Amino acid sequence: MTEPITMNRVVHDAVRRDLTRLSTALGETQDGDRARAGELDRAYAFLRGELTRHHEGEDEHLWPWLASVGVDPDLLTTMQNEHEGMSAALADTGTAMHAYAATGSAADASAARASVLSTQEIVEHHLTHEEKELEPQLRPHLDSPGWKAAEKKLRAVSPRVAGSFFAWLTDGMSDQDRAYLRSTVPPPVVAVLSKVLGRSYTKQISPIWRNVS
C-alpha cells in the first residue's frame, strides 16, 4: 500500500531530486571548467541551506511536540542523531564542492561526486526512516491544535525565504507532488511566492540544472 503524501515528503523528494541532479552534473563536467564548478558549488550551497533549515526546524519545534504526545523518546533520539550525521556529511560535501569550485579539475569533480554519493546515502537513510517510522506516529495528530501550532512555527520564515523555498520546491517536482501541493497551498499563493519573491532562486539556481537529466 502506498503511503499518503505529506508536505514533509514533498520536501524530501525535492532534496532527493537535487542530490541526484548534482551527482549527475558532476559526472558530466569538463576538466578545467571553473565556471561550471562554481555554479554547482552554488547550487549545492542552496540545497544544503534548505535541508539544514528543514531538519533544524524539526529539532527545535517538531521533536519536542512529538515527545509531549507520547512518541517513543528513543525514536526521537535516533532522529536527532541522524540529523547530526547528516549535518556532518553535508559539511564534508561542502568542503569537497569548495575544493572543486577552486580548480574546476576533473579530479576534484570526481572527489566531489564521491562525497555527494556518500552524503546521498546518509540522507536517504534518514529520510526513509523518518517516513516509515515517524510519520505514522504523527499522522493521528495532524488535526490537533498542538500540531497546528508546531506547523505554524515551522513555517515562520521571512517572505524572501518562503519565496525561495517554493521556487526550489516546485522546480521540476513530480506531478504527484504538485497535485498534493495544490491541494494544500492555494496555487495563486505558490505562484506569487515562487515567481515574485523567489526570483533570486529562479535567476541564480534554477538555470544551473538545465540539461541535467
Protein backbone atom coordinates (compact mmCIF):
# COMPACT_ATOMS: atom_id res chain seq x y z
CA MET A 1 0.00 0.00 0.00
CA THR A 2 1.36 3.43 -0.95
CA GLU A 3 1.79 5.75 1.99
CA PRO A 4 -0.07 9.09 1.79
CA ILE A 5 1.83 12.13 0.59
CA THR A 6 2.63 14.83 3.13
CA MET A 7 4.39 18.17 2.83
CA ASN A 8 7.29 16.54 4.62
CA ARG A 9 7.58 14.00 1.82
CA VAL A 10 7.32 16.69 -0.84
CA VAL A 11 10.31 18.43 0.75
CA HIS A 12 12.15 15.11 0.97
CA ASP A 13 11.51 14.49 -2.72
CA ALA A 14 12.99 17.89 -3.60
CA VAL A 15 16.11 17.02 -1.61
CA ARG A 16 16.39 13.66 -3.36
CA ARG A 17 15.89 15.34 -6.74
CA ASP A 18 18.69 17.84 -6.23
CA LEU A 19 21.19 15.33 -4.86
CA THR A 20 20.57 13.21 -7.96
CA ARG A 21 20.89 16.26 -10.21
CA LEU A 22 24.16 17.19 -8.54
CA SER A 23 25.73 13.74 -8.77
CA THR A 24 24.71 13.56 -12.45
CA ALA A 25 26.05 17.02 -13.22
CA LEU A 26 29.38 16.27 -11.53
CA GLY A 27 29.74 13.23 -13.76
CA GLU A 28 29.27 15.35 -16.88
CA THR A 29 31.70 18.20 -16.20
CA GLN A 30 34.68 19.13 -18.36
CA ASP A 31 38.17 19.30 -16.90
CA GLY A 32 39.11 22.88 -16.09
CA ASP A 33 35.60 24.33 -16.35
CA ARG A 34 35.76 26.55 -13.28
CA ALA A 35 32.62 28.45 -14.26
CA ARG A 36 30.56 25.25 -14.14
CA ALA A 37 32.29 24.22 -10.92
CA GLY A 38 31.28 27.50 -9.32
CA GLU A 39 27.68 27.05 -10.44
CA LEU A 40 27.44 23.57 -8.96
CA ASP A 41 29.03 24.74 -5.72
CA ARG A 42 26.41 27.49 -5.53
CA ALA A 43 23.58 25.05 -6.24
CA TYR A 44 24.83 22.69 -3.56
CA ALA A 45 25.08 25.52 -1.03
CA PHE A 46 21.44 26.39 -1.68
CA LEU A 47 20.32 22.77 -1.27
CA ARG A 48 22.35 22.42 1.91
CA GLY A 49 20.69 25.54 3.30
CA GLU A 50 17.19 24.25 2.57
CA LEU A 51 17.86 20.82 4.06
CA THR A 52 19.54 22.33 7.12
CA ARG A 53 16.61 24.68 7.74
CA HIS A 54 14.23 21.73 7.38
CA HIS A 55 15.91 19.46 9.89
CA GLU A 56 16.77 22.23 12.34
CA GLY A 57 13.08 23.19 12.36
CA GLU A 58 12.23 19.60 13.23
CA ASP A 59 14.82 19.56 16.00
CA GLU A 60 13.54 22.79 17.53
CA HIS A 61 9.78 22.50 17.09
CA LEU A 62 8.66 19.06 15.97
CA TRP A 63 10.58 16.62 18.16
CA PRO A 64 9.66 18.35 21.47
CA TRP A 65 5.99 18.42 20.49
CA LEU A 66 6.03 14.77 19.42
CA ALA A 67 7.61 13.87 22.74
CA SER A 68 4.76 15.67 24.51
CA VAL A 69 2.16 13.49 22.76
CA GLY A 70 3.88 10.25 23.67
CA VAL A 71 6.06 9.39 20.68
CA ASP A 72 8.82 6.94 21.62
CA PRO A 73 11.69 9.04 23.01
CA ASP A 74 14.25 6.53 21.73
CA LEU A 75 12.96 7.06 18.19
CA LEU A 76 13.20 10.83 18.59
CA THR A 77 16.76 10.49 19.89
CA THR A 78 17.60 8.39 16.84
CA MET A 79 16.11 11.05 14.57
CA GLN A 80 18.24 13.69 16.30
CA ASN A 81 21.36 11.57 15.91
CA GLU A 82 20.62 11.03 12.24
CA HIS A 83 20.29 14.78 11.77
CA GLU A 84 23.71 15.23 13.32
CA GLY A 85 25.13 12.62 10.96
CA MET A 86 23.54 14.40 8.01
CA SER A 87 25.00 17.72 9.11
CA ALA A 88 28.49 16.24 9.26
CA ALA A 89 28.09 14.65 5.83
CA LEU A 90 26.75 17.88 4.33
CA ALA A 91 29.72 19.77 5.75
CA ASP A 92 32.17 17.25 4.24
CA THR A 93 30.50 17.57 0.86
CA GLY A 94 30.58 21.35 1.19
CA THR A 95 34.35 21.15 1.63
CA ALA A 96 34.66 18.90 -1.43
CA MET A 97 32.48 21.20 -3.52
CA HIS A 98 34.52 24.27 -2.50
CA ALA A 99 37.71 22.46 -3.49
CA TYR A 100 36.22 21.62 -6.87
CA ALA A 101 35.00 25.20 -7.36
CA ALA A 102 38.53 26.47 -6.75
CA THR A 103 40.09 24.36 -9.52
CA GLY A 104 37.41 23.02 -11.83
CA SER A 105 39.58 19.96 -12.27
CA ALA A 106 38.29 16.55 -13.29
CA ALA A 107 39.98 15.02 -10.25
CA ASP A 108 38.23 17.39 -7.84
CA ALA A 109 34.92 16.88 -9.66
CA SER A 110 35.31 13.13 -9.17
CA ALA A 111 36.13 13.59 -5.47
CA ALA A 112 33.14 15.92 -5.04
CA ARG A 113 30.85 13.42 -6.76
CA ALA A 114 32.07 10.62 -4.48
CA SER A 115 31.28 12.84 -1.49
CA VAL A 116 27.83 13.69 -2.86
CA LEU A 117 27.05 10.00 -3.35
CA SER A 118 28.14 9.22 0.22
CA THR A 119 26.04 12.07 1.59
CA GLN A 120 23.11 10.99 -0.58
CA GLU A 121 23.21 7.56 1.05
CA ILE A 122 23.24 9.05 4.56
CA VAL A 123 20.44 11.48 3.76
CA GLU A 124 18.32 8.81 2.09
CA HIS A 125 18.66 6.54 5.11
CA HIS A 126 17.30 9.26 7.36
CA LEU A 127 14.50 10.41 5.04
CA THR A 128 13.27 6.85 4.56
CA HIS A 129 13.50 6.10 8.27
CA GLU A 130 11.54 9.23 9.14
CA GLU A 131 8.85 8.46 6.56
CA LYS A 132 8.42 4.86 7.62
CA GLU A 133 8.78 5.09 11.40
CA LEU A 134 7.94 8.64 12.47
CA GLU A 135 5.24 9.84 10.09
CA PRO A 136 2.78 7.08 11.10
CA GLN A 137 3.02 8.34 14.69
CA LEU A 138 2.48 11.92 13.57
CA ARG A 139 -0.48 11.22 11.30
CA PRO A 140 -3.15 10.77 14.03
CA HIS A 141 -2.34 14.25 15.35
CA LEU A 142 -2.48 16.24 12.10
CA ASP A 143 -5.79 17.87 13.01
CA SER A 144 -4.83 18.67 16.59
CA PRO A 145 -4.20 22.20 17.90
CA GLY A 146 -0.74 21.11 19.03
CA TRP A 147 0.30 20.08 15.54
CA LYS A 148 -1.13 23.25 14.01
CA ALA A 149 0.89 25.31 16.49
CA ALA A 150 4.07 23.36 15.70
CA GLU A 151 3.41 23.68 11.97
CA LYS A 152 2.96 27.44 12.32
CA LYS A 153 6.39 27.67 13.96
CA LEU A 154 7.93 25.54 11.20
CA ARG A 155 6.53 27.93 8.58
CA ALA A 156 7.58 31.12 10.38
CA VAL A 157 10.12 32.43 7.86
CA SER A 158 10.54 35.70 6.02
CA PRO A 159 8.69 36.24 2.72
CA ARG A 160 12.01 36.10 0.86
CA VAL A 161 12.91 32.74 2.40
CA ALA A 162 9.41 31.42 1.69
CA GLY A 163 9.65 32.60 -1.91
CA SER A 164 12.97 30.87 -2.48
CA PHE A 165 11.63 27.75 -0.79
CA PHE A 166 8.60 27.46 -3.06
CA ALA A 167 10.62 28.30 -6.18
CA TRP A 168 13.02 25.50 -5.24
CA LEU A 169 10.31 23.07 -4.21
CA THR A 170 8.40 23.40 -7.49
CA ASP A 171 11.44 23.37 -9.78
CA GLY A 172 10.95 20.06 -11.56
CA MET A 173 8.68 18.48 -8.96
CA SER A 174 6.69 15.38 -9.87
CA ASP A 175 3.07 15.59 -10.97
CA GLN A 176 2.04 13.71 -7.84
CA ASP A 177 3.82 16.14 -5.53
CA ARG A 178 2.50 19.12 -7.49
CA ALA A 179 -1.07 17.85 -7.13
CA TYR A 180 -0.57 17.48 -3.39
CA LEU A 181 0.89 20.97 -3.09
CA ARG A 182 -2.10 22.43 -4.96
CA SER A 183 -4.44 20.71 -2.51
CA THR A 184 -2.55 22.18 0.45
CA VAL A 185 -1.44 25.67 -0.57
CA PRO A 186 -3.59 27.80 -2.93
CA PRO A 187 -1.89 27.90 -6.36
CA PRO A 188 -2.01 31.74 -6.53
CA VAL A 189 -0.06 31.89 -3.26
CA VAL A 190 2.56 29.47 -4.57
CA ALA A 191 2.78 31.45 -7.82
CA VAL A 192 3.33 34.79 -6.10
CA LEU A 193 5.85 33.38 -3.64
CA SER A 194 7.86 31.43 -6.19
CA LYS A 195 7.68 33.77 -9.19
CA VAL A 196 7.96 37.11 -7.40
CA LEU A 197 9.65 36.56 -4.04
CA GLY A 198 11.61 33.56 -5.32
CA ARG A 199 13.20 35.38 -8.24
CA SER A 200 16.70 35.02 -6.83
CA TYR A 201 16.37 31.24 -6.96
CA THR A 202 14.85 31.36 -10.43
CA LYS A 203 17.69 33.52 -11.75
CA GLN A 204 20.67 32.15 -9.86
CA ILE A 205 19.99 28.46 -9.15
CA SER A 206 17.35 27.01 -11.45
CA PRO A 207 19.32 27.61 -14.69
CA ILE A 208 22.19 25.53 -13.29
CA TRP A 209 20.05 22.40 -13.64
CA ARG A 210 19.16 22.94 -17.30
CA ASN A 211 20.20 19.99 -19.44
CA VAL A 212 20.85 17.85 -16.37
CA SER A 213 18.80 14.67 -16.53
